[in-house]
Amino acid sequence: MSVKSILRVSITLLIFLLAIFLAWTLWQHYMVSPWTRDGRVRADVVNIAPDVSGQVVALPVRDNQQVRKGDLLMEIDPARYQLALQQADAAVAARNAELDVRRADVEARRSELNMRRAQARRRADMDALVVSREAREDAGSQVTAADAQMQAAQAQLKSAQAQYQAAVSQRDTARLNLERTKVYAPVDGYITNLNVRSGDYASAGAAKIAIIDSNSFWVYAYFEETKLPLLAIGDRASIQLINGATLSGHVDSIARGIYDRDNPQSRELIADVNPTFNWVRLAQRIPVRIHLDQVPPSVLLASGLTCTVVLQPGSGQARANQAAALAR
């Protein structure tokens, strides 16, 4: 065999081996390595609902605006709640006046009871020739009557105290309702899909504004069930957004259940098993929550963005060992 033929065979064999190596590498990357293109950026959405009902008279925010915790979002017409607070203040003043009257009545009854008891003791100590038995019995009856009046006055005082406390509670509720006419942002974030307008009627408990919590972004990566044995809590993750930006994170948690579409529940609360199935069974995808370690200021995140997630198997244990070493 000539040198030229040997060279040609060698080149062909080298190309063949290179093709096998590339195929094996691609197989390891696509079928074995823990990575997925099925990733979504997620964030907490805070639904803002007023605690009182009324017409929206102020709306100092606009769609997609960034807000800080404590910023005013909207204001409900406070006129009705101001009148309710004035009425509650008047009720508290009236109950307080009645309470003072009841206290004075109790003091008067107590003084009278003490006087009757003193008279009864003096008559009891006197000689029978000076004070008759009838007078002594009459003094005892007066003590009993004064004691009954004292108890009745104390009962009325307790009732007045309860009514006063109820009036105070109603006043505090009215004041709280007036304060709740102003709705403030509970978190830092971004107004999204703003549909409320000044002049709209807002009902208590009905969400009117949605805020994307800017401190709550994470990634949900949907990994095939065949790759779950390669995953571990704490494994480092590289997140490649579809716009080219790259983020870093780690596995925070792994979902422990997904819905079984082939075995729904019937109206009789028993399994409704599908009699047909596909010959080719695709691996189910399990949600894996990825915590973002740090988001560069130049990266704009929005809930719903798609991304590719690549994990580093075994890096979670390395992180745990490193943390344990630092703790020592």
C-alpha atoms as a PDB file:
ATOM      1  CA  MET A   1       0.000   0.000   0.000  1.00  0.00           C
ATOM      2  CA  SER A   2       1.336   3.345  -0.973  1.00  0.00           C
ATOM      3  CA  VAL A   3       2.052   6.183   1.417  1.00  0.00           C
ATOM      4  CA  LYS A   4      -0.687   8.215  -0.232  1.00  0.00           C
ATOM      5  CA  SER A   5      -3.254   5.490   0.419  1.00  0.00           C
ATOM      6  CA  ILE A   6      -2.122   5.100   4.006  1.00  0.00           C
ATOM      7  CA  LEU A   7      -2.454   8.859   4.502  1.00  0.00           C
ATOM      8  CA  ARG A   8      -5.899   8.833   2.953  1.00  0.00           C
ATOM      9  CA  VAL A   9      -7.060   5.976   5.189  1.00  0.00           C
ATOM     10  CA  SER A  10      -5.551   7.639   8.250  1.00  0.00           C
ATOM     11  CA  ILE A  11      -7.328  10.930   7.529  1.00  0.00           C
ATOM     12  CA  THR A  12     -10.611   9.085   6.973  1.00  0.00           C
ATOM     13  CA  LEU A  13     -10.166   7.135  10.201  1.00  0.00           C
ATOM     14  CA  LEU A  14      -9.277  10.308  12.086  1.00  0.00           C
ATOM     15  CA  ILE A  15     -12.382  12.071  10.761  1.00  0.00           C
ATOM     16  CA  PHE A  16     -14.480   9.039  11.699  1.00  0.00           C
ATOM     17  CA  LEU A  17     -13.081   8.986  15.249  1.00  0.00           C
ATOM     18  CA  LEU A  18     -13.551  12.731  15.544  1.00  0.00           C
ATOM     19  CA  ALA A  19     -17.168  12.355  14.439  1.00  0.00           C
ATOM     20  CA  ILE A  20     -17.716   9.630  17.059  1.00  0.00           C
ATOM     21  CA  PHE A  21     -16.128  11.822  19.718  1.00  0.00           C
ATOM     22  CA  LEU A  22     -18.302  14.808  18.734  1.00  0.00           C
ATOM     23  CA  ALA A  23     -21.412  12.634  18.693  1.00  0.00           C
ATOM     24  CA  TRP A  24     -20.560  11.237  22.119  1.00  0.00           C
ATOM     25  CA  THR A  25     -19.884  14.735  23.467  1.00  0.00           C
ATOM     26  CA  LEU A  26     -23.175  16.052  22.084  1.00  0.00           C
ATOM     27  CA  TRP A  27     -25.005  13.028  23.511  1.00  0.00           C
ATOM     28  CA  GLN A  28     -23.484  13.683  26.938  1.00  0.00           C
ATOM     29  CA  HIS A  29     -24.359  17.365  26.700  1.00  0.00           C
ATOM     30  CA  TYR A  30     -27.920  17.047  25.466  1.00  0.00           C
ATOM     31  CA  MET A  31     -29.016  13.778  27.078  1.00  0.00           C
ATOM     32  CA  VAL A  32     -27.013  13.437  30.278  1.00  0.00           C
ATOM     33  CA  SER A  33     -25.855  16.877  31.413  1.00  0.00           C
ATOM     34  CA  PRO A  34     -28.332  18.717  33.676  1.00  0.00           C
ATOM     35  CA  TRP A  35     -29.426  21.609  31.512  1.00  0.00           C
ATOM     36  CA  THR A  36     -32.664  22.821  29.988  1.00  0.00           C
ATOM     37  CA  ARG A  37     -33.885  25.489  27.626  1.00  0.00           C
ATOM     38  CA  ASP A  38     -37.248  25.431  29.366  1.00  0.00           C
ATOM     39  CA  GLY A  39     -36.632  28.079  32.013  1.00  0.00           C
ATOM     40  CA  ARG A  40     -38.786  31.022  33.015  1.00  0.00           C
ATOM     41  CA  VAL A  41     -38.032  34.086  35.090  1.00  0.00           C
ATOM     42  CA  ARG A  42     -40.638  34.470  37.826  1.00  0.00           C
ATOM     43  CA  ALA A  43     -41.412  37.059  40.499  1.00  0.00           C
ATOM     44  CA  ASP A  44     -43.917  37.651  43.274  1.00  0.00           C
ATOM     45  CA  VAL A  45     -46.933  39.649  42.139  1.00  0.00           C
ATOM     46  CA  VAL A  46     -48.525  41.643  44.959  1.00  0.00           C
ATOM     47  CA  ASN A  47     -52.203  42.386  44.355  1.00  0.00           C
ATOM     48  CA  ILE A  48     -53.126  45.696  45.982  1.00  0.00           C
ATOM     49  CA  ALA A  49     -56.730  45.975  47.171  1.00  0.00           C
ATOM     50  CA  PRO A  50     -58.179  48.865  49.202  1.00  0.00           C
ATOM     51  CA  ASP A  51     -59.432  48.061  52.696  1.00  0.00           C
ATOM     52  CA  VAL A  52     -62.401  50.440  52.292  1.00  0.00           C
ATOM     53  CA  SER A  53     -64.803  51.148  49.443  1.00  0.00           C
ATOM     54  CA  GLY A  54     -65.286  54.438  47.644  1.00  0.00           C
ATOM     55  CA  GLN A  55     -64.416  56.550  44.632  1.00  0.00           C
ATOM     56  CA  VAL A  56     -60.772  56.867  43.638  1.00  0.00           C
ATOM     57  CA  VAL A  57     -59.945  60.586  43.965  1.00  0.00           C
ATOM     58  CA  ALA A  58     -56.156  60.419  43.546  1.00  0.00           C
ATOM     59  CA  LEU A  59     -53.890  58.127  41.523  1.00  0.00           C
ATOM     60  CA  PRO A  60     -50.304  59.430  41.678  1.00  0.00           C
ATOM     61  CA  VAL A  61     -48.766  56.451  39.824  1.00  0.00           C
ATOM     62  CA  ARG A  62     -48.612  55.386  36.189  1.00  0.00           C
ATOM     63  CA  ASP A  63     -48.223  52.100  34.383  1.00  0.00           C
ATOM     64  CA  ASN A  64     -44.789  50.415  34.682  1.00  0.00           C
ATOM     65  CA  GLN A  65     -43.619  52.989  37.229  1.00  0.00           C
ATOM     66  CA  GLN A  66     -41.065  51.957  39.818  1.00  0.00           C
ATOM     67  CA  VAL A  67     -42.307  52.513  43.371  1.00  0.00           C
ATOM     68  CA  ARG A  68     -40.759  52.225  46.808  1.00  0.00           C
ATOM     69  CA  LYS A  69     -42.275  50.688  49.895  1.00  0.00           C
ATOM     70  CA  GLY A  70     -44.521  53.310  51.521  1.00  0.00           C
ATOM     71  CA  ASP A  71     -45.238  55.318  48.334  1.00  0.00           C
ATOM     72  CA  LEU A  72     -48.846  56.460  47.899  1.00  0.00           C
ATOM     73  CA  LEU A  73     -50.584  54.413  45.185  1.00  0.00           C
ATOM     74  CA  MET A  74     -54.150  55.711  45.309  1.00  0.00           C
ATOM     75  CA  GLU A  75     -56.589  57.506  47.588  1.00  0.00           C
ATOM     76  CA  ILE A  76     -60.255  56.735  48.214  1.00  0.00           C
ATOM     77  CA  ASP A  77     -62.695  59.624  48.775  1.00  0.00           C
ATOM     78  CA  PRO A  78     -62.313  60.292  52.536  1.00  0.00           C
ATOM     79  CA  ALA A  79     -65.421  62.484  53.072  1.00  0.00           C
ATOM     80  CA  ARG A  80     -67.721  59.669  54.252  1.00  0.00           C
ATOM     81  CA  TYR A  81     -65.065  58.287  56.589  1.00  0.00           C
ATOM     82  CA  GLN A  82     -64.319  61.722  58.048  1.00  0.00           C
ATOM     83  CA  LEU A  83     -67.995  62.119  58.933  1.00  0.00           C
ATOM     84  CA  ALA A  84     -68.043  58.631  60.449  1.00  0.00           C
ATOM     85  CA  LEU A  85     -65.040  59.540  62.612  1.00  0.00           C
ATOM     86  CA  GLN A  86     -66.739  62.755  63.794  1.00  0.00           C
ATOM     87  CA  GLN A  87     -69.865  60.788  64.711  1.00  0.00           C
ATOM     88  CA  ALA A  88     -67.754  58.218  66.576  1.00  0.00           C
ATOM     89  CA  ASP A  89     -65.918  61.000  68.472  1.00  0.00           C
ATOM     90  CA  ALA A  90     -69.273  62.445  69.535  1.00  0.00           C
ATOM     91  CA  ALA A  91     -70.454  59.012  70.705  1.00  0.00           C
ATOM     92  CA  VAL A  92     -67.281  58.582  72.782  1.00  0.00           C
ATOM     93  CA  ALA A  93     -67.813  61.998  74.389  1.00  0.00           C
ATOM     94  CA  ALA A  94     -71.427  61.119  75.237  1.00  0.00           C
ATOM     95  CA  ARG A  95     -70.464  57.752  76.712  1.00  0.00           C
ATOM     96  CA  ASN A  96     -67.670  59.377  78.686  1.00  0.00           C
ATOM     97  CA  ALA A  97     -70.112  61.909  80.182  1.00  0.00           C
ATOM     98  CA  GLU A  98     -72.497  59.120  81.110  1.00  0.00           C
ATOM     99  CA  LEU A  99     -69.605  57.197  82.648  1.00  0.00           C
ATOM    100  CA  ASP A 100     -68.729  60.214  84.828  1.00  0.00           C
ATOM    101  CA  VAL A 101     -72.354  60.421  85.998  1.00  0.00           C
ATOM    102  CA  ARG A 102     -72.358  56.720  86.895  1.00  0.00           C
ATOM    103  CA  ARG A 103     -69.108  57.071  88.815  1.00  0.00           C
ATOM    104  CA  ALA A 104     -70.519  59.999  90.786  1.00  0.00           C
ATOM    105  CA  ASP A 105     -73.663  57.994  91.514  1.00  0.00           C
ATOM    106  CA  VAL A 106     -71.577  55.092  92.827  1.00  0.00           C
ATOM    107  CA  GLU A 107     -69.638  57.422  95.113  1.00  0.00           C
ATOM    108  CA  ALA A 108     -72.885  58.931  96.402  1.00  0.00           C
ATOM    109  CA  ARG A 109     -74.363  55.485  97.055  1.00  0.00           C
ATOM    110  CA  ARG A 110     -71.168  54.394  98.801  1.00  0.00           C
ATOM    111  CA  SER A 111     -71.274  57.464 101.071  1.00  0.00           C
ATOM    112  CA  GLU A 112     -74.920  56.826 101.905  1.00  0.00           C
ATOM    113  CA  LEU A 113     -74.207  53.151 102.627  1.00  0.00           C
ATOM    114  CA  ASN A 114     -71.336  54.048 104.952  1.00  0.00           C
ATOM    115  CA  MET A 115     -73.585  56.553 106.746  1.00  0.00           C
ATOM    116  CA  ARG A 116     -76.386  53.974 107.196  1.00  0.00           C
ATOM    117  CA  ARG A 117     -73.927  51.411 108.518  1.00  0.00           C
ATOM    118  CA  ALA A 118     -72.530  53.929 111.017  1.00  0.00           C
ATOM    119  CA  GLN A 119     -76.050  54.794 112.227  1.00  0.00           C
ATOM    120  CA  ALA A 120     -76.909  51.110 112.595  1.00  0.00           C
ATOM    121  CA  ARG A 121     -73.761  50.493 114.674  1.00  0.00           C
ATOM    122  CA  ARG A 122     -74.490  53.445 116.977  1.00  0.00           C
ATOM    123  CA  ARG A 123     -78.048  52.291 117.589  1.00  0.00           C
ATOM    124  CA  ALA A 124     -76.875  48.756 118.202  1.00  0.00           C
ATOM    125  CA  ASP A 125     -74.447  50.017 120.892  1.00  0.00           C
ATOM    126  CA  MET A 126     -77.079  52.106 122.694  1.00  0.00           C
ATOM    127  CA  ASP A 127     -79.056  50.813 125.687  1.00  0.00           C
ATOM    128  CA  ALA A 128     -82.394  49.228 124.971  1.00  0.00           C
ATOM    129  CA  LEU A 129     -84.043  51.895 127.163  1.00  0.00           C
ATOM    130  CA  VAL A 130     -82.745  54.651 124.877  1.00  0.00           C
ATOM    131  CA  VAL A 131     -83.302  53.049 121.408  1.00  0.00           C
ATOM    132  CA  SER A 132     -86.236  50.785 120.758  1.00  0.00           C
ATOM    133  CA  ARG A 133     -85.995  47.440 119.021  1.00  0.00           C
ATOM    134  CA  GLU A 134     -88.065  48.830 116.142  1.00  0.00           C
ATOM    135  CA  ALA A 135     -85.569  51.643 115.600  1.00  0.00           C
ATOM    136  CA  ARG A 136     -82.723  49.152 115.487  1.00  0.00           C
ATOM    137  CA  GLU A 137     -84.541  46.975 112.955  1.00  0.00           C
ATOM    138  CA  ASP A 138     -85.362  50.066 110.890  1.00  0.00           C
ATOM    139  CA  ALA A 139     -81.676  51.017 110.833  1.00  0.00           C
ATOM    140  CA  GLY A 140     -80.795  47.513 109.612  1.00  0.00           C
ATOM    141  CA  SER A 141     -83.400  47.762 106.854  1.00  0.00           C
ATOM    142  CA  GLN A 142     -81.963  51.080 105.741  1.00  0.00           C
ATOM    143  CA  VAL A 143     -78.478  49.490 105.499  1.00  0.00           C
ATOM    144  CA  THR A 144     -79.877  46.658 103.394  1.00  0.00           C
ATOM    145  CA  ALA A 145     -81.674  49.119 101.078  1.00  0.00           C
ATOM    146  CA  ALA A 146     -78.558  51.288 100.737  1.00  0.00           C
ATOM    147  CA  ASP A 147     -76.456  48.231  99.952  1.00  0.00           C
ATOM    148  CA  ALA A 148     -78.910  47.167  97.212  1.00  0.00           C
ATOM    149  CA  GLN A 149     -78.822  50.673  95.724  1.00  0.00           C
ATOM    150  CA  MET A 150     -75.026  50.541  95.844  1.00  0.00           C
ATOM    151  CA  GLN A 151     -74.945  47.249  93.947  1.00  0.00           C
ATOM    152  CA  ALA A 152     -77.398  48.587  91.351  1.00  0.00           C
ATOM    153  CA  ALA A 153     -75.237  51.689  90.866  1.00  0.00           C
ATOM    154  CA  GLN A 154     -72.131  49.515  90.412  1.00  0.00           C
ATOM    155  CA  ALA A 155     -73.947  47.404  87.817  1.00  0.00           C
ATOM    156  CA  GLN A 156     -74.952  50.557  85.938  1.00  0.00           C
ATOM    157  CA  LEU A 157     -71.325  51.737  86.141  1.00  0.00           C
ATOM    158  CA  LYS A 158     -70.105  48.480  84.603  1.00  0.00           C
ATOM    159  CA  SER A 159     -72.683  48.799  81.833  1.00  0.00           C
ATOM    160  CA  ALA A 160     -71.576  52.393  81.194  1.00  0.00           C
ATOM    161  CA  GLN A 161     -67.928  51.279  81.082  1.00  0.00           C
ATOM    162  CA  ALA A 162     -68.756  48.569  78.534  1.00  0.00           C
ATOM    163  CA  GLN A 163     -70.675  51.067  76.388  1.00  0.00           C
ATOM    164  CA  TYR A 164     -67.762  53.482  76.611  1.00  0.00           C
ATOM    165  CA  GLN A 165     -65.294  50.809  75.514  1.00  0.00           C
ATOM    166  CA  ALA A 166     -67.585  49.885  72.607  1.00  0.00           C
ATOM    167  CA  ALA A 167     -67.754  53.543  71.570  1.00  0.00           C
ATOM    168  CA  VAL A 168     -63.950  53.817  71.766  1.00  0.00           C
ATOM    169  CA  SER A 169     -63.605  50.695  69.622  1.00  0.00           C
ATOM    170  CA  GLN A 170     -66.013  52.115  67.046  1.00  0.00           C
ATOM    171  CA  ARG A 171     -64.073  55.381  67.045  1.00  0.00           C
ATOM    172  CA  ASP A 172     -60.780  53.557  66.527  1.00  0.00           C
ATOM    173  CA  THR A 173     -62.353  51.587  63.671  1.00  0.00           C
ATOM    174  CA  ALA A 174     -63.602  54.813  62.095  1.00  0.00           C
ATOM    175  CA  ARG A 175     -60.139  56.357  62.428  1.00  0.00           C
ATOM    176  CA  LEU A 176     -58.552  53.248  60.896  1.00  0.00           C
ATOM    177  CA  ASN A 177     -61.026  53.323  57.988  1.00  0.00           C
ATOM    178  CA  LEU A 178     -60.110  56.972  57.374  1.00  0.00           C
ATOM    179  CA  GLU A 179     -56.415  56.091  57.373  1.00  0.00           C
ATOM    180  CA  ARG A 180     -57.053  53.195  54.992  1.00  0.00           C
ATOM    181  CA  THR A 181     -58.484  55.547  52.365  1.00  0.00           C
ATOM    182  CA  LYS A 182     -54.855  56.052  51.401  1.00  0.00           C
ATOM    183  CA  VAL A 183     -53.295  52.941  49.884  1.00  0.00           C
ATOM    184  CA  TYR A 184     -49.506  52.619  50.072  1.00  0.00           C
ATOM    185  CA  ALA A 185     -47.039  50.277  48.375  1.00  0.00           C
ATOM    186  CA  PRO A 186     -46.175  47.340  50.684  1.00  0.00           C
ATOM    187  CA  VAL A 187     -42.972  46.441  48.764  1.00  0.00           C
ATOM    188  CA  ASP A 188     -40.429  47.864  46.359  1.00  0.00           C
ATOM    189  CA  GLY A 189     -41.402  47.046  42.807  1.00  0.00           C
ATOM    190  CA  TYR A 190     -42.997  48.028  39.537  1.00  0.00           C
ATOM    191  CA  ILE A 191     -46.596  48.884  38.720  1.00  0.00           C
ATOM    192  CA  THR A 192     -47.813  46.561  35.970  1.00  0.00           C
ATOM    193  CA  ASN A 193     -50.916  46.464  33.779  1.00  0.00           C
ATOM    194  CA  LEU A 194     -52.498  49.489  35.478  1.00  0.00           C
ATOM    195  CA  ASN A 195     -56.208  49.578  34.642  1.00  0.00           C
ATOM    196  CA  VAL A 196     -57.632  51.747  37.428  1.00  0.00           C
ATOM    197  CA  ARG A 197     -58.340  55.407  36.741  1.00  0.00           C
ATOM    198  CA  SER A 198     -59.160  58.381  38.914  1.00  0.00           C
ATOM    199  CA  GLY A 199     -62.933  58.435  39.337  1.00  0.00           C
ATOM    200  CA  ASP A 200     -63.343  54.655  39.313  1.00  0.00           C
ATOM    201  CA  TYR A 201     -65.192  53.022  42.183  1.00  0.00           C
ATOM    202  CA  ALA A 202     -63.038  50.720  44.281  1.00  0.00           C
ATOM    203  CA  SER A 203     -64.581  47.956  46.383  1.00  0.00           C
ATOM    204  CA  ALA A 204     -62.997  46.800  49.612  1.00  0.00           C
ATOM    205  CA  GLY A 205     -61.000  43.623  49.080  1.00  0.00           C
ATOM    206  CA  ALA A 206     -61.078  43.805  45.266  1.00  0.00           C
ATOM    207  CA  ALA A 207     -57.576  44.088  43.757  1.00  0.00           C
ATOM    208  CA  LYS A 208     -57.050  47.249  41.710  1.00  0.00           C
ATOM    209  CA  ILE A 209     -53.250  47.465  41.294  1.00  0.00           C
ATOM    210  CA  ALA A 210     -50.569  44.812  40.735  1.00  0.00           C
ATOM    211  CA  ILE A 211     -46.932  45.309  41.786  1.00  0.00           C
ATOM    212  CA  ILE A 212     -44.028  43.133  40.662  1.00  0.00           C
ATOM    213  CA  ASP A 213     -41.821  42.750  43.732  1.00  0.00           C
ATOM    214  CA  SER A 214     -38.370  43.820  42.512  1.00  0.00           C
ATOM    215  CA  ASN A 215     -36.640  41.838  45.275  1.00  0.00           C
ATOM    216  CA  SER A 216     -38.332  38.522  44.538  1.00  0.00           C
ATOM    217  CA  PHE A 217     -37.092  37.429  41.100  1.00  0.00           C
ATOM    218  CA  TRP A 218     -36.195  33.781  40.704  1.00  0.00           C
ATOM    219  CA  VAL A 219     -36.071  31.228  37.857  1.00  0.00           C
ATOM    220  CA  TYR A 220     -38.227  28.169  37.386  1.00  0.00           C
ATOM    221  CA  ALA A 221     -36.304  25.607  35.328  1.00  0.00           C
ATOM    222  CA  TYR A 222     -38.240  22.590  34.097  1.00  0.00           C
ATOM    223  CA  PHE A 223     -35.875  19.606  34.029  1.00  0.00           C
ATOM    224  CA  GLU A 224     -36.679  16.211  32.550  1.00  0.00           C
ATOM    225  CA  GLU A 225     -37.279  13.514  35.130  1.00  0.00           C
ATOM    226  CA  THR A 226     -34.348  11.520  33.719  1.00  0.00           C
ATOM    227  CA  LYS A 227     -31.990  14.273  34.898  1.00  0.00           C
ATOM    228  CA  LEU A 228     -33.313  14.543  38.429  1.00  0.00           C
ATOM    229  CA  PRO A 229     -30.683  12.140  39.866  1.00  0.00           C
ATOM    230  CA  LEU A 230     -28.036  14.648  38.777  1.00  0.00           C
ATOM    231  CA  LEU A 231     -29.626  17.538  40.688  1.00  0.00           C
ATOM    232  CA  ALA A 232     -28.959  18.550  44.286  1.00  0.00           C
ATOM    233  CA  ILE A 233     -29.958  21.457  46.471  1.00  0.00           C
ATOM    234  CA  GLY A 234     -27.281  24.147  46.300  1.00  0.00           C
ATOM    235  CA  ASP A 235     -25.844  23.200  42.883  1.00  0.00           C
ATOM    236  CA  ARG A 236     -24.529  26.214  41.019  1.00  0.00           C
ATOM    237  CA  ALA A 237     -26.567  27.338  38.026  1.00  0.00           C
ATOM    238  CA  SER A 238     -25.741  29.431  34.994  1.00  0.00           C
ATOM    239  CA  ILE A 239     -28.762  31.241  33.545  1.00  0.00           C
ATOM    240  CA  GLN A 240     -28.597  32.440  29.945  1.00  0.00           C
ATOM    241  CA  LEU A 241     -31.440  34.789  29.048  1.00  0.00           C
ATOM    242  CA  ILE A 242     -32.705  34.727  25.495  1.00  0.00           C
ATOM    243  CA  ASN A 243     -31.508  38.335  25.107  1.00  0.00           C
ATOM    244  CA  GLY A 244     -27.919  37.232  25.796  1.00  0.00           C
ATOM    245  CA  ALA A 245     -27.564  38.311  29.424  1.00  0.00           C
ATOM    246  CA  THR A 246     -26.018  35.799  31.837  1.00  0.00           C
ATOM    247  CA  LEU A 247     -26.901  35.376  35.501  1.00  0.00           C
ATOM    248  CA  SER A 248     -25.644  33.112  38.253  1.00  0.00           C
ATOM    249  CA  GLY A 249     -27.639  31.274  40.884  1.00  0.00           C
ATOM    250  CA  HIS A 250     -28.072  27.989  42.696  1.00  0.00           C
ATOM    251  CA  VAL A 251     -30.745  25.336  43.147  1.00  0.00           C
ATOM    252  CA  ASP A 252     -33.075  26.472  45.910  1.00  0.00           C
ATOM    253  CA  SER A 253     -35.672  23.664  45.858  1.00  0.00           C
ATOM    254  CA  ILE A 254     -37.175  20.916  43.720  1.00  0.00           C
ATOM    255  CA  ALA A 255     -40.915  20.436  43.259  1.00  0.00           C
ATOM    256  CA  ARG A 256     -42.287  17.198  44.701  1.00  0.00           C
ATOM    257  CA  GLY A 257     -45.374  16.850  42.547  1.00  0.00           C
ATOM    258  CA  ILE A 258     -46.926  17.661  39.165  1.00  0.00           C
ATOM    259  CA  TYR A 259     -50.425  17.081  37.832  1.00  0.00           C
ATOM    260  CA  ASP A 260     -51.151  13.670  36.302  1.00  0.00           C
ATOM    261  CA  ARG A 261     -53.190  14.433  33.197  1.00  0.00           C
ATOM    262  CA  ASP A 262     -53.674  10.764  32.397  1.00  0.00           C
ATOM    263  CA  ASN A 263     -55.394  10.046  35.694  1.00  0.00           C
ATOM    264  CA  PRO A 264     -57.865  12.815  36.495  1.00  0.00           C
ATOM    265  CA  GLN A 265     -60.656  12.518  39.006  1.00  0.00           C
ATOM    266  CA  SER A 266     -64.191  11.708  37.906  1.00  0.00           C
ATOM    267  CA  ARG A 267     -67.374  13.213  39.306  1.00  0.00           C
ATOM    268  CA  GLU A 268     -67.660  10.157  41.591  1.00  0.00           C
ATOM    269  CA  LEU A 269     -64.219  10.995  43.101  1.00  0.00           C
ATOM    270  CA  ILE A 270     -62.592   7.899  41.561  1.00  0.00           C
ATOM    271  CA  ALA A 271     -59.734   7.657  39.055  1.00  0.00           C
ATOM    272  CA  ASP A 272     -60.721   8.317  35.430  1.00  0.00           C
ATOM    273  CA  VAL A 273     -58.086   6.246  33.607  1.00  0.00           C
ATOM    274  CA  ASN A 274     -57.502   7.054  29.934  1.00  0.00           C
ATOM    275  CA  PRO A 275     -57.756   3.773  27.941  1.00  0.00           C
ATOM    276  CA  THR A 276     -55.361   5.032  25.243  1.00  0.00           C
ATOM    277  CA  PHE A 277     -51.755   6.170  25.465  1.00  0.00           C
ATOM    278  CA  ASN A 278     -48.955   7.200  23.159  1.00  0.00           C
ATOM    279  CA  TRP A 279     -46.360   4.601  22.228  1.00  0.00           C
ATOM    280  CA  VAL A 280     -43.630   7.191  22.649  1.00  0.00           C
ATOM    281  CA  ARG A 281     -43.548   8.341  26.274  1.00  0.00           C
ATOM    282  CA  LEU A 282     -41.786  11.659  26.799  1.00  0.00           C
ATOM    283  CA  ALA A 283     -40.019  12.346  30.058  1.00  0.00           C
ATOM    284  CA  GLN A 284     -42.024  14.508  32.411  1.00  0.00           C
ATOM    285  CA  ARG A 285     -40.590  17.873  33.386  1.00  0.00           C
ATOM    286  CA  ILE A 286     -40.253  18.795  37.046  1.00  0.00           C
ATOM    287  CA  PRO A 287     -40.060  22.441  38.211  1.00  0.00           C
ATOM    288  CA  VAL A 288     -36.767  23.315  39.884  1.00  0.00           C
ATOM    289  CA  ARG A 289     -36.554  26.671  41.640  1.00  0.00           C
ATOM    290  CA  ILE A 290     -33.312  28.584  41.025  1.00  0.00           C
ATOM    291  CA  HIS A 291     -32.325  31.340  43.414  1.00  0.00           C
ATOM    292  CA  LEU A 292     -30.553  34.264  41.734  1.00  0.00           C
ATOM    293  CA  ASP A 293     -27.367  35.059  43.621  1.00  0.00           C
ATOM    294  CA  GLN A 294     -26.881  38.505  42.134  1.00  0.00           C
ATOM    295  CA  VAL A 295     -28.556  40.523  39.383  1.00  0.00           C
ATOM    296  CA  PRO A 296     -26.309  43.101  37.683  1.00  0.00           C
ATOM    297  CA  PRO A 297     -27.871  46.579  37.447  1.00  0.00           C
ATOM    298  CA  SER A 298     -27.524  46.459  33.661  1.00  0.00           C
ATOM    299  CA  VAL A 299     -29.783  43.378  33.363  1.00  0.00           C
ATOM    300  CA  LEU A 300     -33.479  44.154  33.025  1.00  0.00           C
ATOM    301  CA  LEU A 301     -35.565  41.340  34.489  1.00  0.00           C
ATOM    302  CA  ALA A 302     -39.236  40.829  33.799  1.00  0.00           C
ATOM    303  CA  SER A 303     -41.456  38.027  34.982  1.00  0.00           C
ATOM    304  CA  GLY A 304     -42.061  35.615  32.102  1.00  0.00           C
ATOM    305  CA  LEU A 305     -38.689  35.900  30.330  1.00  0.00           C
ATOM    306  CA  THR A 306     -37.376  32.626  28.889  1.00  0.00           C
ATOM    307  CA  CYS A 307     -33.894  31.347  29.589  1.00  0.00           C
ATOM    308  CA  THR A 308     -31.530  28.386  29.435  1.00  0.00           C
ATOM    309  CA  VAL A 309     -30.321  26.911  32.726  1.00  0.00           C
ATOM    310  CA  VAL A 310     -27.127  24.845  33.053  1.00  0.00           C
ATOM    311  CA  LEU A 311     -26.244  23.238  36.385  1.00  0.00           C
ATOM    312  CA  GLN A 312     -22.905  22.111  37.793  1.00  0.00           C
ATOM    313  CA  PRO A 313     -23.487  18.716  39.432  1.00  0.00           C
ATOM    314  CA  GLY A 314     -21.802  18.304  42.791  1.00  0.00           C
ATOM    315  CA  SER A 315     -21.159  21.992  43.302  1.00  0.00           C
ATOM    316  CA  GLY A 316     -23.846  22.112  45.989  1.00  0.00           C
ATOM    317  CA  GLN A 317     -21.836  19.824  48.249  1.00  0.00           C
ATOM    318  CA  ALA A 318     -18.765  21.939  47.627  1.00  0.00           C
ATOM    319  CA  ARG A 319     -20.721  25.035  48.672  1.00  0.00           C
ATOM    320  CA  ALA A 320     -21.875  23.267  51.844  1.00  0.00           C
ATOM    321  CA  ASN A 321     -18.325  22.185  52.704  1.00  0.00           C
ATOM    322  CA  GLN A 322     -17.044  25.692  52.125  1.00  0.00           C
ATOM    323  CA  ALA A 323     -19.752  27.181  54.348  1.00  0.00           C
ATOM    324  CA  ALA A 324     -18.975  24.637  57.072  1.00  0.00           C
ATOM    325  CA  ALA A 325     -15.285  25.491  56.895  1.00  0.00           C
ATOM    326  CA  LEU A 326     -16.019  29.192  57.212  1.00  0.00           C
ATOM    327  CA  ALA A 327     -18.295  28.488  60.197  1.00  0.00           C
ATOM    328  CA  ARG A 328     -15.433  26.792  62.017  1.00  0.00           C
END
